[in-house]
């Protein structure tokens, strides 16, 4: 993981989140909140978890107090707004990453209170991998509902194919 790779992943993160939130916005609230057997139960629960987890990691990286588990809104429209703002913050944060910072050790406390020290680059990689992992769960839920969510491959990212960001 280097600053260029983090920049691509932040762009991919924003692109996929916007696409998936647009798809999920077309669903009724009952469908979004239905327990479909996923780890976070529902579509809304999975998306709310990502807002919370991304907020936690950004706070850790910035040395700020961690948000509590209620940081992600229970209201759909507010959650959509939070996601957009968070993706903007992620891209701003990544724009300020340095190779020096990425090469350093980073100490944080896990959610169970265990202090860990790991390379910063590995934690940034984890940050983006975690997002991709749960979006994969989300696309499975959408597929089970018969919803076509399109291509999710990083190689399809418009910015990698000469298309400016929207």
C-alpha atoms as a PDB file:
ATOM      1  CA  UNK A   1       0.000   0.000   0.000  1.00  0.00           C
ATOM      2  CA  UNK A   2       1.363   3.372  -0.993  1.00  0.00           C
ATOM      3  CA  UNK A   3      -0.246   6.800  -1.331  1.00  0.00           C
ATOM      4  CA  UNK A   4      -1.127   6.234  -4.995  1.00  0.00           C
ATOM      5  CA  UNK A   5      -2.815   2.909  -4.260  1.00  0.00           C
ATOM      6  CA  UNK A   6      -4.705   4.473  -1.340  1.00  0.00           C
ATOM      7  CA  UNK A   7      -5.907   7.220  -3.673  1.00  0.00           C
ATOM      8  CA  UNK A   8      -7.240   4.669  -6.152  1.00  0.00           C
ATOM      9  CA  UNK A   9      -8.954   2.750  -3.352  1.00  0.00           C
ATOM     10  CA  UNK A  10     -10.557   5.910  -1.950  1.00  0.00           C
ATOM     11  CA  UNK A  11     -11.894   6.726  -5.416  1.00  0.00           C
ATOM     12  CA  UNK A  12     -13.151   3.150  -5.851  1.00  0.00           C
ATOM     13  CA  UNK A  13     -14.748   3.294  -2.402  1.00  0.00           C
ATOM     14  CA  UNK A  14     -16.658   6.478  -3.296  1.00  0.00           C
ATOM     15  CA  UNK A  15     -17.715   5.109  -6.701  1.00  0.00           C
ATOM     16  CA  UNK A  16     -19.019   1.811  -5.334  1.00  0.00           C
ATOM     17  CA  UNK A  17     -20.736   3.395  -2.349  1.00  0.00           C
ATOM     18  CA  UNK A  18     -22.538   5.895  -4.576  1.00  0.00           C
ATOM     19  CA  UNK A  19     -23.665   3.166  -6.960  1.00  0.00           C
ATOM     20  CA  UNK A  20     -24.848   0.855  -4.190  1.00  0.00           C
ATOM     21  CA  UNK A  21     -26.564   3.589  -2.195  1.00  0.00           C
ATOM     22  CA  UNK A  22     -28.373   4.685  -5.382  1.00  0.00           C
ATOM     23  CA  UNK A  23     -29.578   1.109  -5.915  1.00  0.00           C
ATOM     24  CA  UNK A  24     -30.610   0.722  -2.273  1.00  0.00           C
ATOM     25  CA  UNK A  25     -32.377   4.096  -2.329  1.00  0.00           C
ATOM     26  CA  UNK A  26     -34.844   2.616  -4.824  1.00  0.00           C
ATOM     27  CA  UNK A  27     -35.809  -0.067  -2.301  1.00  0.00           C
ATOM     28  CA  UNK A  28     -38.548   0.507   0.225  1.00  0.00           C
ATOM     29  CA  UNK A  29     -37.501   0.885   3.839  1.00  0.00           C
ATOM     30  CA  UNK A  30     -39.002  -2.473   4.821  1.00  0.00           C
ATOM     31  CA  UNK A  31     -36.834  -4.264   2.249  1.00  0.00           C
ATOM     32  CA  UNK A  32     -33.701  -2.348   3.315  1.00  0.00           C
ATOM     33  CA  UNK A  33     -34.324  -3.292   6.966  1.00  0.00           C
ATOM     34  CA  UNK A  34     -35.408  -6.909   6.460  1.00  0.00           C
ATOM     35  CA  UNK A  35     -33.264  -9.499   8.205  1.00  0.00           C
ATOM     36  CA  UNK A  36     -31.774 -11.338   5.243  1.00  0.00           C
ATOM     37  CA  UNK A  37     -29.424 -13.475   7.322  1.00  0.00           C
ATOM     38  CA  UNK A  38     -26.303 -11.370   6.750  1.00  0.00           C
ATOM     39  CA  UNK A  39     -23.765 -10.719   9.491  1.00  0.00           C
ATOM     40  CA  UNK A  40     -25.328  -7.288  10.108  1.00  0.00           C
ATOM     41  CA  UNK A  41     -28.759  -8.711   9.317  1.00  0.00           C
ATOM     42  CA  UNK A  42     -30.043  -6.249   6.703  1.00  0.00           C
ATOM     43  CA  UNK A  43     -28.981  -4.013   3.857  1.00  0.00           C
ATOM     44  CA  UNK A  44     -29.377  -0.983   6.119  1.00  0.00           C
ATOM     45  CA  UNK A  45     -27.464  -2.704   8.916  1.00  0.00           C
ATOM     46  CA  UNK A  46     -24.567  -3.563   6.612  1.00  0.00           C
ATOM     47  CA  UNK A  47     -24.352  -0.035   5.231  1.00  0.00           C
ATOM     48  CA  UNK A  48     -24.627   1.481   8.717  1.00  0.00           C
ATOM     49  CA  UNK A  49     -21.798  -0.775   9.913  1.00  0.00           C
ATOM     50  CA  UNK A  50     -19.572   0.545   7.139  1.00  0.00           C
ATOM     51  CA  UNK A  51     -20.315   4.153   8.070  1.00  0.00           C
ATOM     52  CA  UNK A  52     -19.484   3.368  11.694  1.00  0.00           C
ATOM     53  CA  UNK A  53     -16.313   1.372  10.937  1.00  0.00           C
ATOM     54  CA  UNK A  54     -14.989   3.936   8.461  1.00  0.00           C
ATOM     55  CA  UNK A  55     -15.623   6.660  11.048  1.00  0.00           C
ATOM     56  CA  UNK A  56     -13.725   4.659  13.667  1.00  0.00           C
ATOM     57  CA  UNK A  57     -10.694   4.128  11.429  1.00  0.00           C
ATOM     58  CA  UNK A  58     -10.583   7.761  10.329  1.00  0.00           C
ATOM     59  CA  UNK A  59     -10.741   8.839  13.969  1.00  0.00           C
ATOM     60  CA  UNK A  60      -7.904   6.447  14.842  1.00  0.00           C
ATOM     61  CA  UNK A  61      -5.765   7.677  11.958  1.00  0.00           C
ATOM     62  CA  UNK A  62      -6.402  11.310  12.960  1.00  0.00           C
ATOM     63  CA  UNK A  63      -5.832  10.700  16.678  1.00  0.00           C
ATOM     64  CA  UNK A  64      -9.397  11.756  17.490  1.00  0.00           C
ATOM     65  CA  UNK A  65     -11.852  10.231  19.989  1.00  0.00           C
ATOM     66  CA  UNK A  66     -13.636   7.204  18.586  1.00  0.00           C
ATOM     67  CA  UNK A  67     -17.296   7.595  17.681  1.00  0.00           C
ATOM     68  CA  UNK A  68     -19.780   5.382  19.473  1.00  0.00           C
ATOM     69  CA  UNK A  69     -21.846   2.747  17.737  1.00  0.00           C
ATOM     70  CA  UNK A  70     -24.690   5.207  17.138  1.00  0.00           C
ATOM     71  CA  UNK A  71     -22.632   7.384  14.769  1.00  0.00           C
ATOM     72  CA  UNK A  72     -24.418   5.827  11.771  1.00  0.00           C
ATOM     73  CA  UNK A  73     -27.954   7.091  11.447  1.00  0.00           C
ATOM     74  CA  UNK A  74     -30.992   4.885  11.701  1.00  0.00           C
ATOM     75  CA  UNK A  75     -32.698   7.226   9.213  1.00  0.00           C
ATOM     76  CA  UNK A  76     -32.063   6.207   5.593  1.00  0.00           C
ATOM     77  CA  UNK A  77     -31.694   9.682   4.081  1.00  0.00           C
ATOM     78  CA  UNK A  78     -29.373  10.773   6.877  1.00  0.00           C
ATOM     79  CA  UNK A  79     -27.291   7.611   6.394  1.00  0.00           C
ATOM     80  CA  UNK A  80     -26.990   8.456   2.675  1.00  0.00           C
ATOM     81  CA  UNK A  81     -25.796  11.964   3.535  1.00  0.00           C
ATOM     82  CA  UNK A  82     -23.351  10.585   6.105  1.00  0.00           C
ATOM     83  CA  UNK A  83     -21.907   8.167   3.541  1.00  0.00           C
ATOM     84  CA  UNK A  84     -21.338  10.899   0.965  1.00  0.00           C
ATOM     85  CA  UNK A  85     -19.679  13.175   3.512  1.00  0.00           C
ATOM     86  CA  UNK A  86     -17.559  10.310   4.823  1.00  0.00           C
ATOM     87  CA  UNK A  87     -16.374   9.360   1.337  1.00  0.00           C
ATOM     88  CA  UNK A  88     -15.365  12.979   0.784  1.00  0.00           C
ATOM     89  CA  UNK A  89     -13.440  12.954   4.080  1.00  0.00           C
ATOM     90  CA  UNK A  90     -11.711   9.713   3.101  1.00  0.00           C
ATOM     91  CA  UNK A  91     -10.572  11.182  -0.205  1.00  0.00           C
ATOM     92  CA  UNK A  92      -9.336  14.332   1.554  1.00  0.00           C
ATOM     93  CA  UNK A  93      -7.494  12.240   4.143  1.00  0.00           C
ATOM     94  CA  UNK A  94      -5.875  10.066   1.483  1.00  0.00           C
ATOM     95  CA  UNK A  95      -4.773  13.156  -0.448  1.00  0.00           C
ATOM     96  CA  UNK A  96      -2.681  14.092   2.589  1.00  0.00           C
ATOM     97  CA  UNK A  97      -1.033  10.680   3.067  1.00  0.00           C
ATOM     98  CA  UNK A  98       2.721  10.547   2.837  1.00  0.00           C
ATOM     99  CA  UNK A  99       4.939   7.593   2.087  1.00  0.00           C
ATOM    100  CA  UNK A 100       6.759   8.386   5.336  1.00  0.00           C
ATOM    101  CA  UNK A 101       3.582   8.068   7.431  1.00  0.00           C
ATOM    102  CA  UNK A 102       2.602   4.865   5.632  1.00  0.00           C
ATOM    103  CA  UNK A 103       6.014   3.345   6.426  1.00  0.00           C
ATOM    104  CA  UNK A 104       5.752   4.099  10.154  1.00  0.00           C
ATOM    105  CA  UNK A 105       4.316   1.907  12.881  1.00  0.00           C
ATOM    106  CA  UNK A 106       0.852   2.837  14.070  1.00  0.00           C
ATOM    107  CA  UNK A 107      -0.491   2.003  17.524  1.00  0.00           C
ATOM    108  CA  UNK A 108      -4.211   1.735  18.166  1.00  0.00           C
ATOM    109  CA  UNK A 109      -6.597   0.066  20.564  1.00  0.00           C
ATOM    110  CA  UNK A 110      -8.929  -2.575  19.115  1.00  0.00           C
ATOM    111  CA  UNK A 111     -12.647  -2.498  19.855  1.00  0.00           C
ATOM    112  CA  UNK A 112     -11.990  -5.103  22.560  1.00  0.00           C
ATOM    113  CA  UNK A 113      -9.378  -2.847  24.165  1.00  0.00           C
ATOM    114  CA  UNK A 114      -6.254  -4.649  22.986  1.00  0.00           C
ATOM    115  CA  UNK A 115      -3.412  -2.317  22.091  1.00  0.00           C
ATOM    116  CA  UNK A 116      -1.796  -3.186  18.772  1.00  0.00           C
ATOM    117  CA  UNK A 117       1.097  -1.752  16.819  1.00  0.00           C
ATOM    118  CA  UNK A 118       1.201  -2.508  13.119  1.00  0.00           C
ATOM    119  CA  UNK A 119       2.572  -0.866   9.991  1.00  0.00           C
ATOM    120  CA  UNK A 120       0.381   2.078   8.979  1.00  0.00           C
ATOM    121  CA  UNK A 121       0.307   0.864   5.372  1.00  0.00           C
ATOM    122  CA  UNK A 122      -1.175  -2.470   6.507  1.00  0.00           C
ATOM    123  CA  UNK A 123      -3.907  -0.718   8.473  1.00  0.00           C
ATOM    124  CA  UNK A 124      -4.802   1.483   5.515  1.00  0.00           C
ATOM    125  CA  UNK A 125      -4.960  -1.679   3.412  1.00  0.00           C
ATOM    126  CA  UNK A 126      -7.230  -3.221   6.061  1.00  0.00           C
ATOM    127  CA  UNK A 127      -9.416  -0.081   6.035  1.00  0.00           C
ATOM    128  CA  UNK A 128     -10.128  -0.458   2.317  1.00  0.00           C
ATOM    129  CA  UNK A 129     -10.308  -4.256   2.400  1.00  0.00           C
ATOM    130  CA  UNK A 130     -12.932  -4.101   5.153  1.00  0.00           C
ATOM    131  CA  UNK A 131     -15.109  -1.872   2.983  1.00  0.00           C
ATOM    132  CA  UNK A 132     -14.788  -4.211   0.006  1.00  0.00           C
ATOM    133  CA  UNK A 133     -15.568  -7.237   2.171  1.00  0.00           C
ATOM    134  CA  UNK A 134     -18.862  -5.833   3.453  1.00  0.00           C
ATOM    135  CA  UNK A 135     -19.866  -4.422   0.074  1.00  0.00           C
ATOM    136  CA  UNK A 136     -19.427  -7.993  -1.171  1.00  0.00           C
ATOM    137  CA  UNK A 137     -21.942  -9.104   1.457  1.00  0.00           C
ATOM    138  CA  UNK A 138     -24.253  -6.314   0.331  1.00  0.00           C
ATOM    139  CA  UNK A 139     -24.070  -7.342  -3.322  1.00  0.00           C
ATOM    140  CA  UNK A 140     -24.940 -10.900  -2.294  1.00  0.00           C
ATOM    141  CA  UNK A 141     -28.049  -9.592  -0.528  1.00  0.00           C
ATOM    142  CA  UNK A 142     -28.988  -7.551  -3.593  1.00  0.00           C
ATOM    143  CA  UNK A 143     -28.458 -10.565  -5.874  1.00  0.00           C
ATOM    144  CA  UNK A 144     -30.684 -12.681  -3.612  1.00  0.00           C
ATOM    145  CA  UNK A 145     -33.367 -10.014  -4.099  1.00  0.00           C
ATOM    146  CA  UNK A 146     -32.927 -10.278  -7.877  1.00  0.00           C
ATOM    147  CA  UNK A 147     -31.334  -6.837  -8.183  1.00  0.00           C
ATOM    148  CA  UNK A 148     -28.658  -6.245 -10.817  1.00  0.00           C
ATOM    149  CA  UNK A 149     -25.945  -4.099  -9.266  1.00  0.00           C
ATOM    150  CA  UNK A 150     -23.639  -4.179 -12.279  1.00  0.00           C
ATOM    151  CA  UNK A 151     -19.894  -4.596 -12.408  1.00  0.00           C
ATOM    152  CA  UNK A 152     -18.019  -4.140  -9.145  1.00  0.00           C
ATOM    153  CA  UNK A 153     -14.491  -4.763 -10.419  1.00  0.00           C
ATOM    154  CA  UNK A 154     -11.812  -2.237  -9.548  1.00  0.00           C
ATOM    155  CA  UNK A 155     -10.735  -2.402 -13.203  1.00  0.00           C
ATOM    156  CA  UNK A 156     -14.126  -0.873 -14.159  1.00  0.00           C
ATOM    157  CA  UNK A 157     -13.474   2.259 -12.057  1.00  0.00           C
ATOM    158  CA  UNK A 158     -14.170   5.130 -14.494  1.00  0.00           C
ATOM    159  CA  UNK A 159     -11.135   7.120 -13.338  1.00  0.00           C
ATOM    160  CA  UNK A 160      -8.864   4.220 -14.293  1.00  0.00           C
ATOM    161  CA  UNK A 161     -10.407   4.215 -17.751  1.00  0.00           C
ATOM    162  CA  UNK A 162      -9.946   7.879 -18.596  1.00  0.00           C
ATOM    163  CA  UNK A 163     -13.332   9.081 -17.366  1.00  0.00           C
ATOM    164  CA  UNK A 164     -13.225  12.020 -14.962  1.00  0.00           C
ATOM    165  CA  UNK A 165     -14.958  11.631 -11.589  1.00  0.00           C
ATOM    166  CA  UNK A 166     -18.578  12.684 -11.405  1.00  0.00           C
END
